[in-house]
Amino acid sequence: MCSDEEAGGSATGSPMIENARTRVTEWRFPKKGDNTGWHVHEYDYVVVPLLDGQLELHEPGGTTKFADLRKGVPYFRQKGVRHDVLNPNDFEFAFLEIEFLDDAGA
């Protein structure tokens, strides 16, 4: 995922692919309230939800946002994002995170 600034959340990351250019991790939040812990993304990344649901995003300065996500509909974010991601759903939530470790043109 990125650099951990503070120790751990309760979500589980399972590496699926990692090579010189790409890292794919499946993130699972088994129950409501499970979270990633505060972290900063070191690379541009894409998230692909595995279910319909929401994520609760805690950001610096006390800001909280909710993202409505749909199974299979990806979204892109640039490196430098700092947040803690929580599962606000009454069910397990999961997504794939695809990080771009190296610029293909480099």
PDB file of N, CA and C in Angstrom:
ATOM      1  N   MET A   1       0.843  -1.182   0.000  1.00  0.00           N
ATOM      2  CA  MET A   1       0.000   0.000   0.000  1.00  0.00           C
ATOM      3  C   MET A   1       0.873   1.225   0.000  1.00  0.00           C
ATOM      4  N   CYS A   2       1.771   1.323   0.934  1.00  0.00           N
ATOM      5  CA  CYS A   2       2.405   2.597   1.129  1.00  0.00           C
ATOM      6  C   CYS A   2       3.193   2.589   2.419  1.00  0.00           C
ATOM      7  N   SER A   3       3.617   3.769   2.822  1.00  0.00           N
ATOM      8  CA  SER A   3       4.352   3.864   4.076  1.00  0.00           C
ATOM      9  C   SER A   3       3.369   4.012   5.229  1.00  0.00           C
ATOM     10  N   ASP A   4       3.541   3.184   6.234  1.00  0.00           N
ATOM     11  CA  ASP A   4       2.695   3.274   7.424  1.00  0.00           C
ATOM     12  C   ASP A   4       3.257   4.330   8.343  1.00  0.00           C
ATOM     13  N   GLU A   5       2.445   5.318   8.674  1.00  0.00           N
ATOM     14  CA  GLU A   5       2.866   6.364   9.596  1.00  0.00           C
ATOM     15  C   GLU A   5       2.553   5.975  11.023  1.00  0.00           C
ATOM     16  N   GLU A   6       1.468   5.268  11.200  1.00  0.00           N
ATOM     17  CA  GLU A   6       1.052   4.836  12.513  1.00  0.00           C
ATOM     18  C   GLU A   6       0.719   3.368  12.425  1.00  0.00           C
ATOM     19  N   ALA A   7       0.937   2.659  13.501  1.00  0.00           N
ATOM     20  CA  ALA A   7       0.704   1.233  13.488  1.00  0.00           C
ATOM     21  C   ALA A   7      -0.751   0.922  13.274  1.00  0.00           C
ATOM     22  N   GLY A   8      -0.881  -0.163  12.741  1.00  0.00           N
ATOM     23  CA  GLY A   8      -1.926  -0.852  12.211  1.00  0.00           C
ATOM     24  C   GLY A   8      -3.380  -0.781  12.468  1.00  0.00           C
ATOM     25  N   GLY A   9      -4.026  -0.952  11.370  1.00  0.00           N
ATOM     26  CA  GLY A   9      -5.460  -1.105  11.401  1.00  0.00           C
ATOM     27  C   GLY A   9      -5.825  -2.570  11.444  1.00  0.00           C
ATOM     28  N   SER A  10      -7.115  -2.828  11.371  1.00  0.00           N
ATOM     29  CA  SER A  10      -7.622  -4.192  11.472  1.00  0.00           C
ATOM     30  C   SER A  10      -7.955  -4.811  10.112  1.00  0.00           C
ATOM     31  N   ALA A  11      -7.865  -4.042   9.033  1.00  0.00           N
ATOM     32  CA  ALA A  11      -8.066  -4.600   7.693  1.00  0.00           C
ATOM     33  C   ALA A  11      -6.861  -5.469   7.339  1.00  0.00           C
ATOM     34  N   THR A  12      -7.090  -6.431   6.444  1.00  0.00           N
ATOM     35  CA  THR A  12      -6.037  -7.364   6.055  1.00  0.00           C
ATOM     36  C   THR A  12      -5.687  -7.189   4.587  1.00  0.00           C
ATOM     37  N   GLY A  13      -4.396  -6.958   4.322  1.00  0.00           N
ATOM     38  CA  GLY A  13      -3.902  -6.862   2.953  1.00  0.00           C
ATOM     39  C   GLY A  13      -3.206  -8.145   2.549  1.00  0.00           C
ATOM     40  N   SER A  14      -3.620  -8.708   1.422  1.00  0.00           N
ATOM     41  CA  SER A  14      -3.014  -9.935   0.901  1.00  0.00           C
ATOM     42  C   SER A  14      -2.380  -9.646  -0.451  1.00  0.00           C
ATOM     43  N   PRO A  15      -1.038  -9.664  -0.514  1.00  0.00           N
ATOM     44  CA  PRO A  15      -0.365  -9.422  -1.794  1.00  0.00           C
ATOM     45  C   PRO A  15      -0.729 -10.493  -2.813  1.00  0.00           C
ATOM     46  N   MET A  16      -0.998 -10.048  -4.039  1.00  0.00           N
ATOM     47  CA  MET A  16      -1.358 -10.979  -5.107  1.00  0.00           C
ATOM     48  C   MET A  16      -0.319 -10.984  -6.214  1.00  0.00           C
ATOM     49  N   ILE A  17       0.202  -9.792  -6.543  1.00  0.00           N
ATOM     50  CA  ILE A  17       1.227  -9.642  -7.583  1.00  0.00           C
ATOM     51  C   ILE A  17       2.180  -8.556  -7.111  1.00  0.00           C
ATOM     52  N   GLU A  18       3.477  -8.783  -7.300  1.00  0.00           N
ATOM     53  CA  GLU A  18       4.445  -7.709  -7.103  1.00  0.00           C
ATOM     54  C   GLU A  18       5.626  -7.957  -8.010  1.00  0.00           C
ATOM     55  N   ASN A  19       5.911  -6.957  -8.842  1.00  0.00           N
ATOM     56  CA  ASN A  19       7.080  -7.009  -9.699  1.00  0.00           C
ATOM     57  C   ASN A  19       7.681  -5.611  -9.742  1.00  0.00           C
ATOM     58  N   ALA A  20       8.592  -5.360 -10.640  1.00  0.00           N
ATOM     59  CA  ALA A  20       9.295  -4.079 -10.676  1.00  0.00           C
ATOM     60  C   ALA A  20       8.370  -2.896 -10.986  1.00  0.00           C
ATOM     61  N   ARG A  21       7.224  -3.145 -11.620  1.00  0.00           N
ATOM     62  CA  ARG A  21       6.345  -2.040 -12.048  1.00  0.00           C
ATOM     63  C   ARG A  21       5.008  -1.969 -11.336  1.00  0.00           C
ATOM     64  N   THR A  22       4.526  -3.101 -10.797  1.00  0.00           N
ATOM     65  CA  THR A  22       3.160  -3.135 -10.286  1.00  0.00           C
ATOM     66  C   THR A  22       3.060  -3.968  -9.013  1.00  0.00           C
ATOM     67  N   ARG A  23       2.199  -3.503  -8.105  1.00  0.00           N
ATOM     68  CA  ARG A  23       1.861  -4.297  -6.915  1.00  0.00           C
ATOM     69  C   ARG A  23       0.331  -4.333  -6.820  1.00  0.00           C
ATOM     70  N   VAL A  24      -0.217  -5.544  -6.690  1.00  0.00           N
ATOM     71  CA  VAL A  24      -1.655  -5.727  -6.529  1.00  0.00           C
ATOM     72  C   VAL A  24      -1.890  -6.367  -5.166  1.00  0.00           C
ATOM     73  N   THR A  25      -2.739  -5.724  -4.360  1.00  0.00           N
ATOM     74  CA  THR A  25      -3.059  -6.216  -3.025  1.00  0.00           C
ATOM     75  C   THR A  25      -4.568  -6.281  -2.873  1.00  0.00           C
ATOM     76  N   GLU A  26      -5.063  -7.388  -2.334  1.00  0.00           N
ATOM     77  CA  GLU A  26      -6.472  -7.480  -1.975  1.00  0.00           C
ATOM     78  C   GLU A  26      -6.618  -7.031  -0.528  1.00  0.00           C
ATOM     79  N   TRP A  27      -7.477  -6.041  -0.295  1.00  0.00           N
ATOM     80  CA  TRP A  27      -7.746  -5.537   1.047  1.00  0.00           C
ATOM     81  C   TRP A  27      -9.125  -5.988   1.485  1.00  0.00           C
ATOM     82  N   ARG A  28      -9.196  -6.585   2.690  1.00  0.00           N
ATOM     83  CA  ARG A  28     -10.460  -7.065   3.254  1.00  0.00           C
ATOM     84  C   ARG A  28     -10.703  -6.408   4.603  1.00  0.00           C
ATOM     85  N   PHE A  29     -11.936  -5.963   4.777  1.00  0.00           N
ATOM     86  CA  PHE A  29     -12.416  -5.349   6.008  1.00  0.00           C
ATOM     87  C   PHE A  29     -13.559  -6.241   6.502  1.00  0.00           C
ATOM     88  N   PRO A  30     -13.273  -7.254   7.334  1.00  0.00           N
ATOM     89  CA  PRO A  30     -14.273  -8.259   7.689  1.00  0.00           C
ATOM     90  C   PRO A  30     -15.533  -7.724   8.365  1.00  0.00           C
ATOM     91  N   LYS A  31     -15.398  -6.675   9.149  1.00  0.00           N
ATOM     92  CA  LYS A  31     -16.578  -6.177   9.850  1.00  0.00           C
ATOM     93  C   LYS A  31     -16.601  -4.654   9.883  1.00  0.00           C
ATOM     94  N   LYS A  32     -17.756  -4.130  10.215  1.00  0.00           N
ATOM     95  CA  LYS A  32     -17.936  -2.687  10.331  1.00  0.00           C
ATOM     96  C   LYS A  32     -16.908  -2.128  11.312  1.00  0.00           C
ATOM     97  N   GLY A  33     -16.268  -1.032  10.915  1.00  0.00           N
ATOM     98  CA  GLY A  33     -15.268  -0.390  11.758  1.00  0.00           C
ATOM     99  C   GLY A  33     -13.834  -0.826  11.498  1.00  0.00           C
ATOM    100  N   ASP A  34     -13.639  -1.930  10.775  1.00  0.00           N
ATOM    101  CA  ASP A  34     -12.266  -2.334  10.443  1.00  0.00           C
ATOM    102  C   ASP A  34     -11.638  -1.252   9.584  1.00  0.00           C
ATOM    103  N   ASN A  35     -10.328  -1.040   9.771  1.00  0.00           N
ATOM    104  CA  ASN A  35      -9.658   0.068   9.083  1.00  0.00           C
ATOM    105  C   ASN A  35      -8.244  -0.304   8.667  1.00  0.00           C
ATOM    106  N   THR A  36      -7.675   0.546   7.807  1.00  0.00           N
ATOM    107  CA  THR A  36      -6.306   0.332   7.329  1.00  0.00           C
ATOM    108  C   THR A  36      -5.264   0.883   8.283  1.00  0.00           C
ATOM    109  N   GLY A  37      -5.629   1.874   9.093  1.00  0.00           N
ATOM    110  CA  GLY A  37      -4.646   2.648   9.852  1.00  0.00           C
ATOM    111  C   GLY A  37      -4.163   3.788   8.964  1.00  0.00           C
ATOM    112  N   TRP A  38      -3.666   4.856   9.581  1.00  0.00           N
ATOM    113  CA  TRP A  38      -3.186   6.025   8.827  1.00  0.00           C
ATOM    114  C   TRP A  38      -1.985   5.625   7.978  1.00  0.00           C
ATOM    115  N   HIS A  39      -1.971   6.092   6.735  1.00  0.00           N
ATOM    116  CA  HIS A  39      -0.879   5.781   5.817  1.00  0.00           C
ATOM    117  C   HIS A  39      -0.818   6.828   4.703  1.00  0.00           C
ATOM    118  N   VAL A  40       0.330   6.870   4.036  1.00  0.00           N
ATOM    119  CA  VAL A  40       0.550   7.746   2.880  1.00  0.00           C
ATOM    120  C   VAL A  40       0.877   6.868   1.682  1.00  0.00           C
ATOM    121  N   HIS A  41       0.211   7.130   0.578  1.00  0.00           N
ATOM    122  CA  HIS A  41       0.472   6.366  -0.640  1.00  0.00           C
ATOM    123  C   HIS A  41       1.710   6.917  -1.342  1.00  0.00           C
ATOM    124  N   GLU A  42       2.675   6.045  -1.552  1.00  0.00           N
ATOM    125  CA  GLU A  42       3.945   6.428  -2.183  1.00  0.00           C
ATOM    126  C   GLU A  42       3.885   6.364  -3.709  1.00  0.00           C
ATOM    127  N   TYR A  43       2.822   5.753  -4.233  1.00  0.00           N
ATOM    128  CA  TYR A  43       2.705   5.556  -5.676  1.00  0.00           C
ATOM    129  C   TYR A  43       1.285   5.890  -6.127  1.00  0.00           C
ATOM    130  N   ASP A  44       1.140   6.261  -7.405  1.00  0.00           N
ATOM    131  CA  ASP A  44      -0.184   6.360  -8.001  1.00  0.00           C
ATOM    132  C   ASP A  44      -0.845   4.981  -7.893  1.00  0.00           C
ATOM    133  N   TYR A  45      -2.191   4.974  -7.768  1.00  0.00           N
ATOM    134  CA  TYR A  45      -2.858   3.684  -7.601  1.00  0.00           C
ATOM    135  C   TYR A  45      -4.297   3.718  -8.109  1.00  0.00           C
ATOM    136  N   VAL A  46      -4.813   2.516  -8.339  1.00  0.00           N
ATOM    137  CA  VAL A  46      -6.195   2.304  -8.739  1.00  0.00           C
ATOM    138  C   VAL A  46      -6.824   1.364  -7.728  1.00  0.00           C
ATOM    139  N   VAL A  47      -8.064   1.663  -7.342  1.00  0.00           N
ATOM    140  CA  VAL A  47      -8.841   0.783  -6.466  1.00  0.00           C
ATOM    141  C   VAL A  47      -9.982   0.186  -7.286  1.00  0.00           C
ATOM    142  N   VAL A  48     -10.160  -1.142  -7.173  1.00  0.00           N
ATOM    143  CA  VAL A  48     -11.252  -1.841  -7.847  1.00  0.00           C
ATOM    144  C   VAL A  48     -12.089  -2.533  -6.770  1.00  0.00           C
ATOM    145  N   PRO A  49     -13.274  -2.007  -6.458  1.00  0.00           N
ATOM    146  CA  PRO A  49     -14.127  -2.631  -5.442  1.00  0.00           C
ATOM    147  C   PRO A  49     -14.571  -4.031  -5.873  1.00  0.00           C
ATOM    148  N   LEU A  50     -14.607  -4.944  -4.913  1.00  0.00           N
ATOM    149  CA  LEU A  50     -15.069  -6.300  -5.176  1.00  0.00           C
ATOM    150  C   LEU A  50     -16.546  -6.473  -4.819  1.00  0.00           C
ATOM    151  N   LEU A  51     -17.124  -5.447  -4.181  1.00  0.00           N
ATOM    152  CA  LEU A  51     -18.529  -5.448  -3.764  1.00  0.00           C
ATOM    153  C   LEU A  51     -19.088  -4.042  -3.919  1.00  0.00           C
ATOM    154  N   ASP A  52     -20.394  -3.922  -3.912  1.00  0.00           N
ATOM    155  CA  ASP A  52     -21.031  -2.619  -3.777  1.00  0.00           C
ATOM    156  C   ASP A  52     -20.986  -2.233  -2.298  1.00  0.00           C
ATOM    157  N   GLY A  53     -20.729  -0.976  -2.012  1.00  0.00           N
ATOM    158  CA  GLY A  53     -20.723  -0.521  -0.628  1.00  0.00           C
ATOM    159  C   GLY A  53     -20.085   0.842  -0.505  1.00  0.00           C
ATOM    160  N   GLN A  54     -19.713   1.185   0.710  1.00  0.00           N
ATOM    161  CA  GLN A  54     -19.074   2.469   0.992  1.00  0.00           C
ATOM    162  C   GLN A  54     -17.739   2.256   1.675  1.00  0.00           C
ATOM    163  N   LEU A  55     -16.903   3.283   1.586  1.00  0.00           N
ATOM    164  CA  LEU A  55     -15.715   3.400   2.420  1.00  0.00           C
ATOM    165  C   LEU A  55     -15.783   4.753   3.103  1.00  0.00           C
ATOM    166  N   GLU A  56     -15.309   4.798   4.334  1.00  0.00           N
ATOM    167  CA  GLU A  56     -15.232   6.032   5.108  1.00  0.00           C
ATOM    168  C   GLU A  56     -13.768   6.451   5.129  1.00  0.00           C
ATOM    169  N   LEU A  57     -13.486   7.637   4.633  1.00  0.00           N
ATOM    170  CA  LEU A  57     -12.109   8.113   4.491  1.00  0.00           C
ATOM    171  C   LEU A  57     -11.845   9.222   5.505  1.00  0.00           C
ATOM    172  N   HIS A  58     -10.952   8.956   6.433  1.00  0.00           N
ATOM    173  CA  HIS A  58     -10.539   9.981   7.389  1.00  0.00           C
ATOM    174  C   HIS A  58      -9.281  10.625   6.838  1.00  0.00           C
ATOM    175  N   GLU A  59      -9.303  11.953   6.737  1.00  0.00           N
ATOM    176  CA  GLU A  59      -8.200  12.699   6.142  1.00  0.00           C
ATOM    177  C   GLU A  59      -7.625  13.676   7.151  1.00  0.00           C
ATOM    178  N   PRO A  60      -6.430  14.191   6.870  1.00  0.00           N
ATOM    179  CA  PRO A  60      -5.810  15.149   7.791  1.00  0.00           C
ATOM    180  C   PRO A  60      -6.739  16.322   8.103  1.00  0.00           C
ATOM    181  N   GLY A  61      -6.613  16.841   9.312  1.00  0.00           N
ATOM    182  CA  GLY A  61      -7.417  17.980   9.725  1.00  0.00           C
ATOM    183  C   GLY A  61      -8.794  17.592  10.220  1.00  0.00           C
ATOM    184  N   GLY A  62      -9.032  16.294  10.368  1.00  0.00           N
ATOM    185  CA  GLY A  62     -10.316  15.847  10.896  1.00  0.00           C
ATOM    186  C   GLY A  62     -11.417  15.700   9.865  1.00  0.00           C
ATOM    187  N   THR A  63     -11.087  15.814   8.598  1.00  0.00           N
ATOM    188  CA  THR A  63     -12.090  15.672   7.534  1.00  0.00           C
ATOM    189  C   THR A  63     -12.466  14.206   7.348  1.00  0.00           C
ATOM    190  N   THR A  64     -13.761  13.948   7.218  1.00  0.00           N
ATOM    191  CA  THR A  64     -14.258  12.601   6.919  1.00  0.00           C
ATOM    192  C   THR A  64     -15.112  12.669   5.667  1.00  0.00           C
ATOM    193  N   LYS A  65     -14.852  11.748   4.742  1.00  0.00           N
ATOM    194  CA  LYS A  65     -15.622  11.654   3.501  1.00  0.00           C
ATOM    195  C   LYS A  65     -16.126  10.223   3.362  1.00  0.00           C
ATOM    196  N   PHE A  66     -17.227  10.070   2.647  1.00  0.00           N
ATOM    197  CA  PHE A  66     -17.754   8.749   2.326  1.00  0.00           C
ATOM    198  C   PHE A  66     -17.707   8.567   0.822  1.00  0.00           C
ATOM    199  N   ALA A  67     -17.210   7.408   0.390  1.00  0.00           N
ATOM    200  CA  ALA A  67     -17.145   7.078  -1.031  1.00  0.00           C
ATOM    201  C   ALA A  67     -18.125   5.947  -1.311  1.00  0.00           C
ATOM    202  N   ASP A  68     -19.075   6.178  -2.227  1.00  0.00           N
ATOM    203  CA  ASP A  68     -19.983   5.126  -2.674  1.00  0.00           C
ATOM    204  C   ASP A  68     -19.308   4.374  -3.804  1.00  0.00           C
ATOM    205  N   LEU A  69     -19.130   3.084  -3.615  1.00  0.00           N
ATOM    206  CA  LEU A  69     -18.383   2.273  -4.577  1.00  0.00           C
ATOM    207  C   LEU A  69     -19.263   1.181  -5.161  1.00  0.00           C
ATOM    208  N   ARG A  70     -18.980   0.846  -6.417  1.00  0.00           N
ATOM    209  CA  ARG A  70     -19.719  -0.202  -7.117  1.00  0.00           C
ATOM    210  C   ARG A  70     -18.757  -1.287  -7.567  1.00  0.00           C
ATOM    211  N   LYS A  71     -19.188  -2.519  -7.404  1.00  0.00           N
ATOM    212  CA  LYS A  71     -18.376  -3.681  -7.774  1.00  0.00           C
ATOM    213  C   LYS A  71     -17.831  -3.529  -9.189  1.00  0.00           C
ATOM    214  N   GLY A  72     -16.503  -3.642  -9.308  1.00  0.00           N
ATOM    215  CA  GLY A  72     -15.850  -3.621 -10.614  1.00  0.00           C
ATOM    216  C   GLY A  72     -15.619  -2.255 -11.221  1.00  0.00           C
ATOM    217  N   VAL A  73     -16.093  -1.191 -10.574  1.00  0.00           N
ATOM    218  CA  VAL A  73     -15.919   0.161 -11.125  1.00  0.00           C
ATOM    219  C   VAL A  73     -14.704   0.805 -10.458  1.00  0.00           C
ATOM    220  N   PRO A  74     -13.589   0.928 -11.178  1.00  0.00           N
ATOM    221  CA  PRO A  74     -12.352   1.415 -10.580  1.00  0.00           C
ATOM    222  C   PRO A  74     -12.308   2.930 -10.431  1.00  0.00           C
ATOM    223  N   TYR A  75     -11.407   3.374  -9.550  1.00  0.00           N
ATOM    224  CA  TYR A  75     -11.073   4.802  -9.485  1.00  0.00           C
ATOM    225  C   TYR A  75      -9.571   4.942  -9.274  1.00  0.00           C
ATOM    226  N   PHE A  76      -9.029   6.082  -9.720  1.00  0.00           N
ATOM    227  CA  PHE A  76      -7.599   6.362  -9.710  1.00  0.00           C
ATOM    228  C   PHE A  76      -7.298   7.472  -8.710  1.00  0.00           C
ATOM    229  N   ARG A  77      -6.148   7.345  -8.010  1.00  0.00           N
ATOM    230  CA  ARG A  77      -5.675   8.425  -7.137  1.00  0.00           C
ATOM    231  C   ARG A  77      -4.168   8.571  -7.324  1.00  0.00           C
ATOM    232  N   GLN A  78      -3.700   9.793  -7.179  1.00  0.00           N
ATOM    233  CA  GLN A  78      -2.268  10.050  -7.311  1.00  0.00           C
ATOM    234  C   GLN A  78      -1.557   9.832  -5.981  1.00  0.00           C
ATOM    235  N   LYS A  79      -0.259   9.578  -6.080  1.00  0.00           N
ATOM    236  CA  LYS A  79       0.559   9.378  -4.887  1.00  0.00           C
ATOM    237  C   LYS A  79       0.467  10.604  -3.971  1.00  0.00           C
ATOM    238  N   GLY A  80       0.790  10.378  -2.708  1.00  0.00           N
ATOM    239  CA  GLY A  80       0.775  11.454  -1.735  1.00  0.00           C
ATOM    240  C   GLY A  80      -0.480  11.500  -0.887  1.00  0.00           C
ATOM    241  N   VAL A  81      -1.496  10.690  -1.227  1.00  0.00           N
ATOM    242  CA  VAL A  81      -2.732  10.658  -0.448  1.00  0.00           C
ATOM    243  C   VAL A  81      -2.423  10.134   0.958  1.00  0.00           C
ATOM    244  N   ARG A  82      -2.904  10.850   1.975  1.00  0.00           N
ATOM    245  CA  ARG A  82      -2.758  10.417   3.372  1.00  0.00           C
ATOM    246  C   ARG A  82      -4.148  10.259   3.955  1.00  0.00           C
ATOM    247  N   HIS A  83      -4.425   9.070   4.503  1.00  0.00           N
ATOM    248  CA  HIS A  83      -5.741   8.826   5.080  1.00  0.00           C
ATOM    249  C   HIS A  83      -5.768   7.538   5.897  1.00  0.00           C
ATOM    250  N   ASP A  84      -6.881   7.343   6.585  1.00  0.00           N
ATOM    251  CA  ASP A  84      -7.233   6.081   7.228  1.00  0.00           C
ATOM    252  C   ASP A  84      -8.562   5.682   6.607  1.00  0.00           C
ATOM    253  N   VAL A  85      -8.662   4.456   6.124  1.00  0.00           N
ATOM    254  CA  VAL A  85      -9.852   3.989   5.430  1.00  0.00           C
ATOM    255  C   VAL A  85     -10.597   3.003   6.324  1.00  0.00           C
ATOM    256  N   LEU A  86     -11.899   3.243   6.531  1.00  0.00           N
ATOM    257  CA  LEU A  86     -12.724   2.404   7.395  1.00  0.00           C
ATOM    258  C   LEU A  86     -13.896   1.797   6.627  1.00  0.00           C
ATOM    259  N   ASN A  87     -14.353   0.659   7.117  1.00  0.00           N
ATOM    260  CA  ASN A  87     -15.545   0.007   6.576  1.00  0.00           C
ATOM    261  C   ASN A  87     -16.762   0.456   7.381  1.00  0.00           C
ATOM    262  N   PRO A  88     -17.656   1.273   6.794  1.00  0.00           N
ATOM    263  CA  PRO A  88     -18.862   1.695   7.504  1.00  0.00           C
ATOM    264  C   PRO A  88     -20.059   0.765   7.260  1.00  0.00           C
ATOM    265  N   ASN A  89     -19.849  -0.284   6.456  1.00  0.00           N
ATOM    266  CA  ASN A  89     -20.926  -1.193   6.076  1.00  0.00           C
ATOM    267  C   ASN A  89     -21.203  -2.210   7.192  1.00  0.00           C
ATOM    268  N   ASP A  90     -22.388  -2.769   7.174  1.00  0.00           N
ATOM    269  CA  ASP A  90     -22.754  -3.823   8.125  1.00  0.00           C
ATOM    270  C   ASP A  90     -22.367  -5.200   7.590  1.00  0.00           C
ATOM    271  N   PHE A  91     -21.432  -5.223   6.662  1.00  0.00           N
ATOM    272  CA  PHE A  91     -20.969  -6.470   6.041  1.00  0.00           C
ATOM    273  C   PHE A  91     -19.495  -6.305   5.672  1.00  0.00           C
ATOM    274  N   GLU A  92     -18.846  -7.434   5.363  1.00  0.00           N
ATOM    275  CA  GLU A  92     -17.453  -7.393   4.928  1.00  0.00           C
ATOM    276  C   GLU A  92     -17.349  -6.598   3.635  1.00  0.00           C
ATOM    277  N   PHE A  93     -16.285  -5.789   3.544  1.00  0.00           N
ATOM    278  CA  PHE A  93     -16.010  -5.062   2.314  1.00  0.00           C
ATOM    279  C   PHE A  93     -14.611  -5.414   1.846  1.00  0.00           C
ATOM    280  N   ALA A  94     -14.401  -5.389   0.528  1.00  0.00           N
ATOM    281  CA  ALA A  94     -13.092  -5.738  -0.020  1.00  0.00           C
ATOM    282  C   ALA A  94     -12.858  -4.999  -1.335  1.00  0.00           C
ATOM    283  N   PHE A  95     -11.572  -4.756  -1.614  1.00  0.00           N
ATOM    284  CA  PHE A  95     -11.198  -4.153  -2.895  1.00  0.00           C
ATOM    285  C   PHE A  95      -9.798  -4.589  -3.272  1.00  0.00           C
ATOM    286  N   LEU A  96      -9.486  -4.438  -4.556  1.00  0.00           N
ATOM    287  CA  LEU A  96      -8.119  -4.624  -5.045  1.00  0.00           C
ATOM    288  C   LEU A  96      -7.482  -3.248  -5.146  1.00  0.00           C
ATOM    289  N   GLU A  97      -6.240  -3.152  -4.702  1.00  0.00           N
ATOM    290  CA  GLU A  97      -5.448  -1.934  -4.853  1.00  0.00           C
ATOM    291  C   GLU A  97      -4.311  -2.262  -5.811  1.00  0.00           C
ATOM    292  N   ILE A  98      -4.206  -1.485  -6.872  1.00  0.00           N
ATOM    293  CA  ILE A  98      -3.172  -1.696  -7.892  1.00  0.00           C
ATOM    294  C   ILE A  98      -2.279  -0.484  -7.888  1.00  0.00           C
ATOM    295  N   GLU A  99      -1.025  -0.677  -7.475  1.00  0.00           N
ATOM    296  CA  GLU A  99      -0.051   0.428  -7.382  1.00  0.00           C
ATOM    297  C   GLU A  99       0.902   0.354  -8.548  1.00  0.00           C
ATOM    298  N   PHE A 100       1.238   1.536  -9.092  1.00  0.00           N
ATOM    299  CA  PHE A 100       2.171   1.652 -10.203  1.00  0.00           C
ATOM    300  C   PHE A 100       3.536   2.036  -9.644  1.00  0.00           C
ATOM    301  N   LEU A 101       4.402   1.040  -9.448  1.00  0.00           N
ATOM    302  CA  LEU A 101       5.670   1.232  -8.758  1.00  0.00           C
ATOM    303  C   LEU A 101       6.722   1.934  -9.589  1.00  0.00           C
ATOM    304  N   ASP A 102       6.602   1.844 -10.908  1.00  0.00           N
ATOM    305  CA  ASP A 102       7.613   2.407 -11.786  1.00  0.00           C
ATOM    306  C   ASP A 102       6.922   3.008 -13.007  1.00  0.00           C
ATOM    307  N   ASP A 103       7.455   4.095 -13.482  1.00  0.00           N
ATOM    308  CA  ASP A 103       6.919   4.727 -14.682  1.00  0.00           C
ATOM    309  C   ASP A 103       7.301   3.886 -15.885  1.00  0.00           C
ATOM    310  N   ALA A 104       6.315   3.456 -16.665  1.00  0.00           N
ATOM    311  CA  ALA A 104       6.562   2.593 -17.821  1.00  0.00           C
ATOM    312  C   ALA A 104       7.498   3.239 -18.836  1.00  0.00           C
ATOM    313  N   GLY A 105       7.527   4.549 -18.881  1.00  0.00           N
ATOM    314  CA  GLY A 105       8.376   5.245 -19.849  1.00  0.00           C
ATOM    315  C   GLY A 105       9.799   5.465 -19.366  1.00  0.00           C
ATOM    316  N   ALA A 106      10.078   5.111 -18.132  1.00  0.00           N
ATOM    317  CA  ALA A 106      11.421   5.369 -17.563  1.00  0.00           C
ATOM    318  C   ALA A 106      12.432   4.355 -18.043  1.00  0.00           C
TER     319      ALA A 106
END
